[in-house]
Amino acid sequence: MIATGCRMEIAHIDPETYSGIVNHKMRKDILRTLYRKALDGPVSKQELAEELGIDYHQQVYQLNNHLREFWVVKMELKKRGTRMELIAPSKPNVIFISLGKEQSIFIFDPLANLFGPLSKVGVRCDICSDAEARKCTKFVKTGCSCAMTSTATETAILTANGRKVDQRPVDVAIICALRGISIGQSCVIDIPCNTCAFLKRTIKIV
């Protein structure tokens, strides 16, 4: 398992891009599968199609026309006189958020297969125990400007989305990312691999 899988970055995604994927099952399935399979290295488009059980050409159409910003070619191999592309997520460590009306936040996290309103789908570290979450939150707060005390407005935003301040590491990072949206900054946090319960339980990291 690659060490970069222990890094999380919260970044903003355009609402139109968000809706175009979240409301389309195949696009969500392609991204979810690509993010999971590419954890150990880039994969071919054919492998991806076979894993999903969908038509290769149909998948390539979706990759090229609707998902192009989410993947990159990492390697090219020659096979039977043709070139085979091996692809991987362009931003494998990113959890995207989109902003809606009345301070609503929407989650777009392919690796965790979480797509939808924050208040409904939650975040990847909801599977953590309270003790695990507290331990990871310490890493978050020492790794970026998330160490700043949340304002009343920021607390209200989380509350409006069914969350609590400092409840989980991603909640803290979301607030940090919201502060940077106006200037185009994201929030990057690093958590030791052996600490991240999500990776250990869901991805089976060792």
C-alpha atoms as a PDB file:
ATOM      1  CA  MET A   1       0.000   0.000   0.000  1.00  0.00           C
ATOM      2  CA  ILE A   2       1.398   3.396  -0.932  1.00  0.00           C
ATOM      3  CA  ALA A   3       2.242   5.785   1.871  1.00  0.00           C
ATOM      4  CA  THR A   4       0.457   8.671   0.146  1.00  0.00           C
ATOM      5  CA  GLY A   5      -2.800   6.914   0.916  1.00  0.00           C
ATOM      6  CA  CYS A   6      -2.412   8.290   4.453  1.00  0.00           C
ATOM      7  CA  ARG A   7      -2.662  11.888   3.272  1.00  0.00           C
ATOM      8  CA  MET A   8      -5.960  13.703   2.951  1.00  0.00           C
ATOM      9  CA  GLU A   9      -6.629  16.948   1.147  1.00  0.00           C
ATOM     10  CA  ILE A  10      -9.933  18.811   1.239  1.00  0.00           C
ATOM     11  CA  ALA A  11     -10.598  20.832  -1.904  1.00  0.00           C
ATOM     12  CA  HIS A  12     -13.549  22.539  -3.552  1.00  0.00           C
ATOM     13  CA  ILE A  13     -15.289  21.011  -6.571  1.00  0.00           C
ATOM     14  CA  ASP A  14     -17.493  22.942  -8.979  1.00  0.00           C
ATOM     15  CA  PRO A  15     -21.215  22.277  -8.275  1.00  0.00           C
ATOM     16  CA  GLU A  16     -21.889  21.466 -11.923  1.00  0.00           C
ATOM     17  CA  THR A  17     -19.095  18.881 -12.034  1.00  0.00           C
ATOM     18  CA  TYR A  18     -20.308  17.459  -8.729  1.00  0.00           C
ATOM     19  CA  SER A  19     -23.895  17.056  -9.961  1.00  0.00           C
ATOM     20  CA  GLY A  20     -22.822  15.571 -13.299  1.00  0.00           C
ATOM     21  CA  ILE A  21     -21.073  12.711 -11.512  1.00  0.00           C
ATOM     22  CA  VAL A  22     -23.088  12.182  -8.344  1.00  0.00           C
ATOM     23  CA  ASN A  23     -26.303  11.831 -10.330  1.00  0.00           C
ATOM     24  CA  HIS A  24     -24.762   9.286 -12.718  1.00  0.00           C
ATOM     25  CA  LYS A  25     -24.190   5.793 -11.270  1.00  0.00           C
ATOM     26  CA  MET A  26     -21.646   4.624 -13.866  1.00  0.00           C
ATOM     27  CA  ARG A  27     -19.439   7.671 -13.375  1.00  0.00           C
ATOM     28  CA  LYS A  28     -19.453   7.178  -9.618  1.00  0.00           C
ATOM     29  CA  ASP A  29     -18.664   3.474 -10.040  1.00  0.00           C
ATOM     30  CA  ILE A  30     -15.771   4.204 -12.408  1.00  0.00           C
ATOM     31  CA  LEU A  31     -14.176   6.699 -10.033  1.00  0.00           C
ATOM     32  CA  ARG A  32     -14.726   4.549  -6.948  1.00  0.00           C
ATOM     33  CA  THR A  33     -13.135   1.534  -8.636  1.00  0.00           C
ATOM     34  CA  LEU A  34     -10.267   3.509 -10.137  1.00  0.00           C
ATOM     35  CA  TYR A  35      -9.357   5.062  -6.776  1.00  0.00           C
ATOM     36  CA  ARG A  36      -9.389   1.675  -5.045  1.00  0.00           C
ATOM     37  CA  LYS A  37      -7.547  -0.341  -7.703  1.00  0.00           C
ATOM     38  CA  ALA A  38      -4.883   2.312  -8.281  1.00  0.00           C
ATOM     39  CA  LEU A  39      -3.804   2.346  -4.621  1.00  0.00           C
ATOM     40  CA  ASP A  40      -1.221  -0.320  -5.473  1.00  0.00           C
ATOM     41  CA  GLY A  41      -0.265   1.232  -8.812  1.00  0.00           C
ATOM     42  CA  PRO A  42      -1.792   2.413 -12.116  1.00  0.00           C
ATOM     43  CA  VAL A  43      -4.288   0.173 -13.920  1.00  0.00           C
ATOM     44  CA  SER A  44      -5.274  -0.288 -17.537  1.00  0.00           C
ATOM     45  CA  LYS A  45      -8.638   0.902 -18.787  1.00  0.00           C
ATOM     46  CA  GLN A  46      -9.379  -2.678 -19.793  1.00  0.00           C
ATOM     47  CA  GLU A  47      -8.755  -3.920 -16.239  1.00  0.00           C
ATOM     48  CA  LEU A  48     -11.042  -1.214 -14.942  1.00  0.00           C
ATOM     49  CA  ALA A  49     -13.838  -2.141 -17.349  1.00  0.00           C
ATOM     50  CA  GLU A  50     -13.535  -5.828 -16.468  1.00  0.00           C
ATOM     51  CA  GLU A  51     -13.652  -5.069 -12.757  1.00  0.00           C
ATOM     52  CA  LEU A  52     -16.828  -3.054 -13.271  1.00  0.00           C
ATOM     53  CA  GLY A  53     -18.365  -5.487 -15.730  1.00  0.00           C
ATOM     54  CA  ILE A  54     -19.137  -2.763 -18.262  1.00  0.00           C
ATOM     55  CA  ASP A  55     -18.400  -2.255 -21.935  1.00  0.00           C
ATOM     56  CA  TYR A  56     -14.840  -1.017 -22.516  1.00  0.00           C
ATOM     57  CA  HIS A  57     -15.796   1.614 -25.101  1.00  0.00           C
ATOM     58  CA  GLN A  58     -18.622   2.892 -22.921  1.00  0.00           C
ATOM     59  CA  GLN A  59     -16.191   3.320 -20.050  1.00  0.00           C
ATOM     60  CA  VAL A  60     -13.611   5.101 -22.224  1.00  0.00           C
ATOM     61  CA  TYR A  61     -16.328   7.513 -23.359  1.00  0.00           C
ATOM     62  CA  GLN A  62     -17.129   8.376 -19.750  1.00  0.00           C
ATOM     63  CA  LEU A  63     -13.446   8.737 -18.838  1.00  0.00           C
ATOM     64  CA  ASN A  64     -12.677  11.012 -21.766  1.00  0.00           C
ATOM     65  CA  ASN A  65     -15.822  13.132 -21.840  1.00  0.00           C
ATOM     66  CA  HIS A  66     -17.048  13.391 -18.246  1.00  0.00           C
ATOM     67  CA  LEU A  67     -14.234  12.324 -15.912  1.00  0.00           C
ATOM     68  CA  ARG A  68     -11.153  13.673 -17.673  1.00  0.00           C
ATOM     69  CA  GLU A  69     -10.015  15.924 -14.826  1.00  0.00           C
ATOM     70  CA  PHE A  70      -9.965  13.010 -12.378  1.00  0.00           C
ATOM     71  CA  TRP A  71      -7.345  10.748 -13.980  1.00  0.00           C
ATOM     72  CA  VAL A  72      -3.932  10.872 -15.620  1.00  0.00           C
ATOM     73  CA  VAL A  73      -1.838   8.493 -17.687  1.00  0.00           C
ATOM     74  CA  LYS A  74       1.001   7.221 -15.499  1.00  0.00           C
ATOM     75  CA  MET A  75       2.616   4.765 -17.894  1.00  0.00           C
ATOM     76  CA  GLU A  76       2.362   3.390 -21.416  1.00  0.00           C
ATOM     77  CA  LEU A  77       3.108  -0.216 -22.310  1.00  0.00           C
ATOM     78  CA  LYS A  78       3.499  -1.759 -25.744  1.00  0.00           C
ATOM     79  CA  LYS A  79       1.304  -4.805 -26.186  1.00  0.00           C
ATOM     80  CA  ARG A  80       0.841  -6.682 -29.457  1.00  0.00           C
ATOM     81  CA  GLY A  81       1.993  -3.687 -31.464  1.00  0.00           C
ATOM     82  CA  THR A  82      -0.313  -1.244 -29.712  1.00  0.00           C
ATOM     83  CA  ARG A  83       0.183   1.082 -26.761  1.00  0.00           C
ATOM     84  CA  MET A  84      -1.725   0.412 -23.566  1.00  0.00           C
ATOM     85  CA  GLU A  85      -2.213   3.265 -21.126  1.00  0.00           C
ATOM     86  CA  LEU A  86      -2.026   2.707 -17.384  1.00  0.00           C
ATOM     87  CA  ILE A  87      -4.016   5.308 -15.500  1.00  0.00           C
ATOM     88  CA  ALA A  88      -4.437   6.524 -11.914  1.00  0.00           C
ATOM     89  CA  PRO A  89      -6.396   9.265 -10.136  1.00  0.00           C
ATOM     90  CA  SER A  90      -4.994  12.738 -10.831  1.00  0.00           C
ATOM     91  CA  LYS A  91      -5.620  13.718  -7.195  1.00  0.00           C
ATOM     92  CA  PRO A  92      -5.677  10.439  -5.237  1.00  0.00           C
ATOM     93  CA  ASN A  93      -5.596  12.077  -1.812  1.00  0.00           C
ATOM     94  CA  VAL A  94      -8.366  14.616  -2.325  1.00  0.00           C
ATOM     95  CA  ILE A  95     -11.776  14.636  -0.662  1.00  0.00           C
ATOM     96  CA  PHE A  96     -13.830  17.158  -2.591  1.00  0.00           C
ATOM     97  CA  ILE A  97     -16.542  19.361  -1.127  1.00  0.00           C
ATOM     98  CA  SER A  98     -19.174  21.358  -2.964  1.00  0.00           C
ATOM     99  CA  LEU A  99     -21.213  24.190  -1.504  1.00  0.00           C
ATOM    100  CA  GLY A 100     -24.976  24.476  -1.917  1.00  0.00           C
ATOM    101  CA  LYS A 101     -27.759  26.740  -0.740  1.00  0.00           C
ATOM    102  CA  GLU A 102     -28.229  27.702   2.911  1.00  0.00           C
ATOM    103  CA  GLN A 103     -24.677  26.678   3.905  1.00  0.00           C
ATOM    104  CA  SER A 104     -25.144  23.079   2.784  1.00  0.00           C
ATOM    105  CA  ILE A 105     -21.978  21.073   2.128  1.00  0.00           C
ATOM    106  CA  PHE A 106     -21.774  18.097  -0.228  1.00  0.00           C
ATOM    107  CA  ILE A 107     -19.127  15.369  -0.040  1.00  0.00           C
ATOM    108  CA  PHE A 108     -17.391  13.855  -3.070  1.00  0.00           C
ATOM    109  CA  ASP A 109     -15.002  11.151  -1.814  1.00  0.00           C
ATOM    110  CA  PRO A 110     -14.441   8.400  -4.434  1.00  0.00           C
ATOM    111  CA  LEU A 111     -12.025   6.344  -2.319  1.00  0.00           C
ATOM    112  CA  ALA A 112     -14.573   6.076   0.485  1.00  0.00           C
ATOM    113  CA  ASN A 113     -17.507   5.804  -1.953  1.00  0.00           C
ATOM    114  CA  LEU A 114     -19.213   8.768  -0.295  1.00  0.00           C
ATOM    115  CA  PHE A 115     -21.209  11.020  -2.598  1.00  0.00           C
ATOM    116  CA  GLY A 116     -23.914  13.329  -1.313  1.00  0.00           C
ATOM    117  CA  PRO A 117     -24.952  15.797   1.404  1.00  0.00           C
ATOM    118  CA  LEU A 118     -22.565  15.870   4.361  1.00  0.00           C
ATOM    119  CA  SER A 119     -25.536  15.633   6.714  1.00  0.00           C
ATOM    120  CA  LYS A 120     -26.568  12.306   5.152  1.00  0.00           C
ATOM    121  CA  VAL A 121     -23.425  10.511   3.957  1.00  0.00           C
ATOM    122  CA  GLY A 122     -21.040  11.761   6.638  1.00  0.00           C
ATOM    123  CA  VAL A 123     -17.269  11.480   6.247  1.00  0.00           C
ATOM    124  CA  ARG A 124     -14.849   8.572   5.871  1.00  0.00           C
ATOM    125  CA  CYS A 125     -13.643   8.761   9.474  1.00  0.00           C
ATOM    126  CA  ASP A 126     -17.110   8.212  10.912  1.00  0.00           C
ATOM    127  CA  ILE A 127     -16.099   4.557  11.199  1.00  0.00           C
ATOM    128  CA  CYS A 128     -13.475   5.577  13.794  1.00  0.00           C
ATOM    129  CA  SER A 129     -14.048   5.227  17.499  1.00  0.00           C
ATOM    130  CA  ASP A 130     -14.068   8.449  19.528  1.00  0.00           C
ATOM    131  CA  ALA A 131     -10.593   7.650  20.855  1.00  0.00           C
ATOM    132  CA  GLU A 132      -9.212   7.045  17.350  1.00  0.00           C
ATOM    133  CA  ALA A 133     -10.787  10.268  16.111  1.00  0.00           C
ATOM    134  CA  ARG A 134      -9.287  12.307  18.937  1.00  0.00           C
ATOM    135  CA  LYS A 135      -5.847  10.891  18.221  1.00  0.00           C
ATOM    136  CA  CYS A 136      -6.037  11.717  14.517  1.00  0.00           C
ATOM    137  CA  THR A 137      -7.493  15.170  15.163  1.00  0.00           C
ATOM    138  CA  LYS A 138      -4.300  16.037  17.043  1.00  0.00           C
ATOM    139  CA  PHE A 139      -2.308  15.345  13.856  1.00  0.00           C
ATOM    140  CA  VAL A 140      -4.710  17.516  11.863  1.00  0.00           C
ATOM    141  CA  LYS A 141      -4.443  20.458  14.222  1.00  0.00           C
ATOM    142  CA  THR A 142      -0.650  20.404  14.302  1.00  0.00           C
ATOM    143  CA  GLY A 143      -0.307  19.979  10.538  1.00  0.00           C
ATOM    144  CA  CYS A 144      -2.094  23.042   9.153  1.00  0.00           C
ATOM    145  CA  SER A 145      -4.012  26.200   9.982  1.00  0.00           C
ATOM    146  CA  CYS A 146      -6.842  24.005  11.307  1.00  0.00           C
ATOM    147  CA  ALA A 147      -5.286  24.692  14.681  1.00  0.00           C
ATOM    148  CA  MET A 148      -7.173  27.995  14.688  1.00  0.00           C
ATOM    149  CA  THR A 149     -10.229  28.078  16.932  1.00  0.00           C
ATOM    150  CA  SER A 150     -13.451  27.775  14.945  1.00  0.00           C
ATOM    151  CA  THR A 151     -15.538  30.926  14.761  1.00  0.00           C
ATOM    152  CA  ALA A 152     -19.219  31.028  15.653  1.00  0.00           C
ATOM    153  CA  THR A 153     -20.059  31.164  11.940  1.00  0.00           C
ATOM    154  CA  GLU A 154     -17.936  28.089  11.181  1.00  0.00           C
ATOM    155  CA  THR A 155     -19.495  26.211  14.065  1.00  0.00           C
ATOM    156  CA  ALA A 156     -22.937  27.131  12.726  1.00  0.00           C
ATOM    157  CA  ILE A 157     -22.028  25.787   9.279  1.00  0.00           C
ATOM    158  CA  LEU A 158     -21.048  22.399  10.679  1.00  0.00           C
ATOM    159  CA  THR A 159     -24.150  22.301  12.870  1.00  0.00           C
ATOM    160  CA  ALA A 160     -26.344  23.102   9.855  1.00  0.00           C
ATOM    161  CA  ASN A 161     -24.798  20.087   8.142  1.00  0.00           C
ATOM    162  CA  GLY A 162     -25.421  17.734  11.048  1.00  0.00           C
ATOM    163  CA  ARG A 163     -21.851  17.769  12.324  1.00  0.00           C
ATOM    164  CA  LYS A 164     -20.052  18.851  15.482  1.00  0.00           C
ATOM    165  CA  VAL A 165     -16.907  20.946  15.700  1.00  0.00           C
ATOM    166  CA  ASP A 166     -13.848  18.722  16.229  1.00  0.00           C
ATOM    167  CA  GLN A 167     -16.050  15.607  15.982  1.00  0.00           C
ATOM    168  CA  ARG A 168     -13.847  13.955  13.383  1.00  0.00           C
ATOM    169  CA  PRO A 169     -10.579  14.912  11.636  1.00  0.00           C
ATOM    170  CA  VAL A 170     -12.323  15.542   8.312  1.00  0.00           C
ATOM    171  CA  ASP A 171     -14.789  17.909   9.991  1.00  0.00           C
ATOM    172  CA  VAL A 172     -11.858  19.994  11.225  1.00  0.00           C
ATOM    173  CA  ALA A 173     -10.238  19.903   7.792  1.00  0.00           C
ATOM    174  CA  ILE A 174     -13.477  20.932   6.060  1.00  0.00           C
ATOM    175  CA  ILE A 175     -13.582  24.122   8.122  1.00  0.00           C
ATOM    176  CA  CYS A 176      -9.956  24.770   7.223  1.00  0.00           C
ATOM    177  CA  ALA A 177     -10.772  24.264   3.532  1.00  0.00           C
ATOM    178  CA  LEU A 178     -13.780  26.576   3.708  1.00  0.00           C
ATOM    179  CA  ARG A 179     -11.477  29.332   4.941  1.00  0.00           C
ATOM    180  CA  GLY A 180      -9.312  28.907   1.860  1.00  0.00           C
ATOM    181  CA  ILE A 181     -11.955  28.621  -0.869  1.00  0.00           C
ATOM    182  CA  SER A 182     -12.026  32.354  -1.607  1.00  0.00           C
ATOM    183  CA  ILE A 183      -8.274  32.376  -2.284  1.00  0.00           C
ATOM    184  CA  GLY A 184      -8.089  28.969  -3.966  1.00  0.00           C
ATOM    185  CA  GLN A 185      -6.358  27.121  -1.144  1.00  0.00           C
ATOM    186  CA  SER A 186      -7.081  23.558  -0.069  1.00  0.00           C
ATOM    187  CA  CYS A 187      -6.389  21.883   3.276  1.00  0.00           C
ATOM    188  CA  VAL A 188      -3.784  19.112   3.425  1.00  0.00           C
ATOM    189  CA  ILE A 189      -3.416  16.839   6.438  1.00  0.00           C
ATOM    190  CA  ASP A 190      -1.113  13.897   7.045  1.00  0.00           C
ATOM    191  CA  ILE A 191      -2.071  11.076   9.386  1.00  0.00           C
ATOM    192  CA  PRO A 192       0.282   8.128  10.069  1.00  0.00           C
ATOM    193  CA  CYS A 193      -0.853   5.059   8.149  1.00  0.00           C
ATOM    194  CA  ASN A 194      -0.998   2.905  11.252  1.00  0.00           C
ATOM    195  CA  THR A 195      -3.312   5.461  12.893  1.00  0.00           C
ATOM    196  CA  CYS A 196      -5.925   5.858  10.139  1.00  0.00           C
ATOM    197  CA  ALA A 197      -8.798   3.495  10.987  1.00  0.00           C
ATOM    198  CA  PHE A 198     -10.475   4.103   7.630  1.00  0.00           C
ATOM    199  CA  LEU A 199      -7.484   2.837   5.673  1.00  0.00           C
ATOM    200  CA  LYS A 200      -6.875  -0.088   8.005  1.00  0.00           C
ATOM    201  CA  ARG A 201     -10.478  -1.296   8.068  1.00  0.00           C
ATOM    202  CA  THR A 202     -11.809  -0.325   4.672  1.00  0.00           C
ATOM    203  CA  ILE A 203      -8.759  -0.531   2.417  1.00  0.00           C
ATOM    204  CA  LYS A 204      -6.999  -3.184   4.533  1.00  0.00           C
ATOM    205  CA  ILE A 205      -3.791  -1.215   4.803  1.00  0.00           C
ATOM    206  CA  VAL A 206      -1.042  -2.909   6.808  1.00  0.00           C
END
